[in-house]
Amino acid sequence: MTVSVERIGRDGLIAVASAEVEIGKIPLRLNGLEVRRGMDGKLLIDAPGVAHGGAVMPAVELPDDLEHAIAREIAALV
């Protein structure tokens, strides 16, 4: 897995990250992962969203173990 982070530091957005993972020899790049701080002080990493019917929903849904692994890698760089 390769992760890159661009620090933003405004409007509650700490950084924007990208992650590249390989699934079955197929590279998959996730861009626009938003890094924010939650009300409890913990980092939150959100997938990019898409507007649908007046609501914003995640553009990508990942298995929990992959989502957690990406979050740990990003948190280590922030």
N, C-alpha and C. Protein backbone atom coordinates (compact mmCIF):
# COMPACT_ATOMS: atom_id res chain seq x y z
N MET A 1 0.85 -1.17 0.00
CA MET A 1 0.00 0.00 0.00
C MET A 1 0.90 1.23 0.00
N THR A 2 0.50 2.20 -0.81
CA THR A 2 1.20 3.48 -0.85
C THR A 2 0.20 4.56 -0.48
N VAL A 3 0.62 5.45 0.41
CA VAL A 3 -0.26 6.53 0.87
C VAL A 3 0.47 7.85 0.73
N SER A 4 -0.24 8.89 0.27
CA SER A 4 0.31 10.24 0.25
C SER A 4 -0.69 11.18 0.92
N VAL A 5 -0.16 12.19 1.58
CA VAL A 5 -0.99 13.13 2.33
C VAL A 5 -0.58 14.55 1.99
N GLU A 6 -1.58 15.39 1.69
CA GLU A 6 -1.35 16.82 1.49
C GLU A 6 -2.05 17.56 2.63
N ARG A 7 -1.27 18.24 3.45
CA ARG A 7 -1.85 18.99 4.57
C ARG A 7 -2.60 20.22 4.06
N ILE A 8 -3.80 20.43 4.61
CA ILE A 8 -4.65 21.55 4.19
C ILE A 8 -4.77 22.56 5.33
N GLY A 9 -5.32 22.13 6.48
CA GLY A 9 -5.38 22.97 7.67
C GLY A 9 -6.35 24.14 7.61
N ARG A 10 -7.50 23.98 6.98
CA ARG A 10 -8.51 25.04 7.00
C ARG A 10 -9.91 24.44 6.87
N ASP A 11 -10.88 25.17 7.37
CA ASP A 11 -12.29 24.75 7.31
C ASP A 11 -12.51 23.35 7.90
N GLY A 12 -11.75 23.02 8.94
CA GLY A 12 -11.90 21.73 9.61
C GLY A 12 -11.23 20.58 8.89
N LEU A 13 -10.68 20.84 7.72
CA LEU A 13 -10.02 19.81 6.93
C LEU A 13 -8.52 19.83 7.27
N ILE A 14 -8.04 18.74 7.87
CA ILE A 14 -6.63 18.66 8.25
C ILE A 14 -5.78 18.36 7.02
N ALA A 15 -6.24 17.41 6.21
CA ALA A 15 -5.46 16.99 5.04
C ALA A 15 -6.36 16.27 4.05
N VAL A 16 -5.82 16.10 2.85
CA VAL A 16 -6.44 15.27 1.83
C VAL A 16 -5.42 14.19 1.49
N ALA A 17 -5.87 12.95 1.43
CA ALA A 17 -4.95 11.85 1.21
C ALA A 17 -5.35 11.02 0.01
N SER A 18 -4.38 10.28 -0.50
CA SER A 18 -4.59 9.29 -1.55
C SER A 18 -3.98 7.98 -1.08
N ALA A 19 -4.57 6.88 -1.47
CA ALA A 19 -4.04 5.56 -1.12
C ALA A 19 -4.11 4.67 -2.34
N GLU A 20 -3.04 3.91 -2.56
CA GLU A 20 -3.03 2.95 -3.65
C GLU A 20 -2.85 1.56 -3.06
N VAL A 21 -3.76 0.69 -3.37
CA VAL A 21 -3.71 -0.70 -2.89
C VAL A 21 -3.80 -1.61 -4.10
N GLU A 22 -3.32 -2.82 -3.92
CA GLU A 22 -3.42 -3.80 -4.99
C GLU A 22 -4.34 -4.92 -4.53
N ILE A 23 -5.35 -5.18 -5.31
CA ILE A 23 -6.31 -6.23 -4.99
C ILE A 23 -6.28 -7.24 -6.14
N GLY A 24 -5.78 -8.42 -5.85
CA GLY A 24 -5.69 -9.45 -6.89
C GLY A 24 -4.89 -9.00 -8.10
N LYS A 25 -3.76 -8.37 -7.88
CA LYS A 25 -2.85 -7.85 -8.92
C LYS A 25 -3.44 -6.69 -9.71
N ILE A 26 -4.54 -6.13 -9.24
CA ILE A 26 -5.15 -4.97 -9.88
C ILE A 26 -4.94 -3.76 -8.97
N PRO A 27 -4.17 -2.75 -9.44
CA PRO A 27 -3.97 -1.56 -8.61
C PRO A 27 -5.24 -0.71 -8.54
N LEU A 28 -5.53 -0.23 -7.37
CA LEU A 28 -6.70 0.62 -7.14
C LEU A 28 -6.23 1.86 -6.39
N ARG A 29 -6.50 3.03 -6.95
CA ARG A 29 -6.07 4.29 -6.32
C ARG A 29 -7.31 5.03 -5.83
N LEU A 30 -7.28 5.40 -4.57
CA LEU A 30 -8.36 6.17 -3.95
C LEU A 30 -7.85 7.59 -3.73
N ASN A 31 -8.46 8.56 -4.37
CA ASN A 31 -8.07 9.96 -4.22
C ASN A 31 -9.14 10.71 -3.45
N GLY A 32 -8.76 11.80 -2.83
CA GLY A 32 -9.73 12.67 -2.17
C GLY A 32 -10.22 12.18 -0.83
N LEU A 33 -9.41 11.38 -0.13
CA LEU A 33 -9.77 10.94 1.22
C LEU A 33 -9.59 12.13 2.17
N GLU A 34 -10.66 12.53 2.83
CA GLU A 34 -10.61 13.71 3.70
C GLU A 34 -10.24 13.33 5.13
N VAL A 35 -9.29 14.05 5.69
CA VAL A 35 -8.83 13.80 7.06
C VAL A 35 -9.30 14.97 7.92
N ARG A 36 -10.12 14.65 8.93
CA ARG A 36 -10.66 15.65 9.85
C ARG A 36 -10.51 15.14 11.28
N ARG A 37 -10.72 16.01 12.24
CA ARG A 37 -10.70 15.60 13.64
C ARG A 37 -12.14 15.54 14.14
N GLY A 38 -12.51 14.42 14.75
CA GLY A 38 -13.85 14.25 15.28
C GLY A 38 -14.06 15.00 16.58
N MET A 39 -15.28 15.02 17.05
CA MET A 39 -15.62 15.71 18.30
C MET A 39 -14.86 15.13 19.48
N ASP A 40 -14.51 13.85 19.39
CA ASP A 40 -13.78 13.19 20.47
C ASP A 40 -12.27 13.37 20.35
N GLY A 41 -11.82 14.11 19.33
CA GLY A 41 -10.40 14.37 19.13
C GLY A 41 -9.70 13.35 18.25
N LYS A 42 -10.39 12.27 17.90
CA LYS A 42 -9.78 11.25 17.04
C LYS A 42 -9.85 11.67 15.59
N LEU A 43 -8.90 11.17 14.80
CA LEU A 43 -8.91 11.46 13.37
C LEU A 43 -10.03 10.70 12.69
N LEU A 44 -10.68 11.35 11.75
CA LEU A 44 -11.70 10.74 10.90
C LEU A 44 -11.20 10.79 9.47
N ILE A 45 -11.30 9.70 8.76
CA ILE A 45 -10.89 9.66 7.37
C ILE A 45 -12.10 9.23 6.56
N ASP A 46 -12.58 10.13 5.71
CA ASP A 46 -13.80 9.90 4.94
C ASP A 46 -13.49 9.71 3.47
N ALA A 47 -14.18 8.75 2.87
CA ALA A 47 -14.07 8.54 1.43
C ALA A 47 -14.70 9.71 0.70
N PRO A 48 -14.28 9.95 -0.53
CA PRO A 48 -14.93 11.01 -1.31
C PRO A 48 -16.42 10.72 -1.45
N GLY A 49 -17.20 11.77 -1.55
CA GLY A 49 -18.64 11.60 -1.64
C GLY A 49 -19.19 12.00 -2.99
N VAL A 50 -20.40 11.54 -3.25
CA VAL A 50 -21.10 11.89 -4.47
C VAL A 50 -22.53 12.29 -4.09
N ALA A 51 -23.01 13.36 -4.70
CA ALA A 51 -24.37 13.81 -4.41
C ALA A 51 -25.37 12.88 -5.08
N HIS A 52 -26.37 12.48 -4.29
CA HIS A 52 -27.40 11.58 -4.82
C HIS A 52 -28.71 11.88 -4.11
N GLY A 53 -29.67 12.39 -4.82
CA GLY A 53 -30.98 12.68 -4.25
C GLY A 53 -30.94 13.68 -3.11
N GLY A 54 -30.06 14.67 -3.20
CA GLY A 54 -29.98 15.69 -2.17
C GLY A 54 -29.11 15.32 -0.99
N ALA A 55 -28.57 14.12 -0.98
CA ALA A 55 -27.68 13.69 0.11
C ALA A 55 -26.31 13.36 -0.47
N VAL A 56 -25.31 13.35 0.39
CA VAL A 56 -23.98 12.94 -0.03
C VAL A 56 -23.73 11.55 0.51
N MET A 57 -23.34 10.65 -0.40
CA MET A 57 -23.03 9.29 0.02
C MET A 57 -21.62 8.95 -0.43
N PRO A 58 -20.96 8.01 0.25
CA PRO A 58 -19.59 7.66 -0.13
C PRO A 58 -19.53 7.14 -1.57
N ALA A 59 -18.52 7.59 -2.30
CA ALA A 59 -18.34 7.13 -3.67
C ALA A 59 -17.73 5.73 -3.70
N VAL A 60 -17.09 5.34 -2.59
CA VAL A 60 -16.43 4.03 -2.49
C VAL A 60 -16.75 3.44 -1.13
N GLU A 61 -17.09 2.17 -1.10
CA GLU A 61 -17.26 1.45 0.16
C GLU A 61 -16.24 0.33 0.20
N LEU A 62 -15.46 0.30 1.26
CA LEU A 62 -14.39 -0.68 1.40
C LEU A 62 -14.70 -1.67 2.51
N PRO A 63 -14.13 -2.87 2.41
CA PRO A 63 -14.24 -3.80 3.54
C PRO A 63 -13.58 -3.18 4.77
N ASP A 64 -14.12 -3.46 5.95
CA ASP A 64 -13.63 -2.85 7.18
C ASP A 64 -12.12 -3.02 7.38
N ASP A 65 -11.59 -4.21 7.12
CA ASP A 65 -10.16 -4.42 7.36
C ASP A 65 -9.30 -3.56 6.45
N LEU A 66 -9.71 -3.36 5.20
CA LEU A 66 -8.96 -2.50 4.29
C LEU A 66 -9.12 -1.04 4.68
N GLU A 67 -10.32 -0.65 5.04
CA GLU A 67 -10.57 0.72 5.49
C GLU A 67 -9.72 1.07 6.71
N HIS A 68 -9.63 0.16 7.66
CA HIS A 68 -8.84 0.39 8.88
C HIS A 68 -7.35 0.46 8.57
N ALA A 69 -6.88 -0.40 7.67
CA ALA A 69 -5.46 -0.39 7.29
C ALA A 69 -5.08 0.93 6.62
N ILE A 70 -5.93 1.41 5.72
CA ILE A 70 -5.67 2.70 5.06
C ILE A 70 -5.69 3.82 6.09
N ALA A 71 -6.65 3.80 6.99
CA ALA A 71 -6.75 4.84 8.03
C ALA A 71 -5.50 4.87 8.89
N ARG A 72 -4.99 3.69 9.27
CA ARG A 72 -3.76 3.64 10.10
C ARG A 72 -2.57 4.24 9.35
N GLU A 73 -2.43 3.93 8.07
CA GLU A 73 -1.32 4.46 7.28
C GLU A 73 -1.41 5.99 7.17
N ILE A 74 -2.62 6.50 6.91
CA ILE A 74 -2.80 7.95 6.80
C ILE A 74 -2.53 8.62 8.14
N ALA A 75 -3.07 8.07 9.22
CA ALA A 75 -2.88 8.66 10.56
C ALA A 75 -1.41 8.74 10.92
N ALA A 76 -0.62 7.78 10.49
CA ALA A 76 0.82 7.79 10.78
C ALA A 76 1.54 8.95 10.08
N LEU A 77 0.95 9.45 9.00
CA LEU A 77 1.58 10.54 8.24
C LEU A 77 1.06 11.92 8.61
N VAL A 78 -0.04 11.99 9.32
CA VAL A 78 -0.64 13.29 9.66
C VAL A 78 -0.02 13.83 10.92
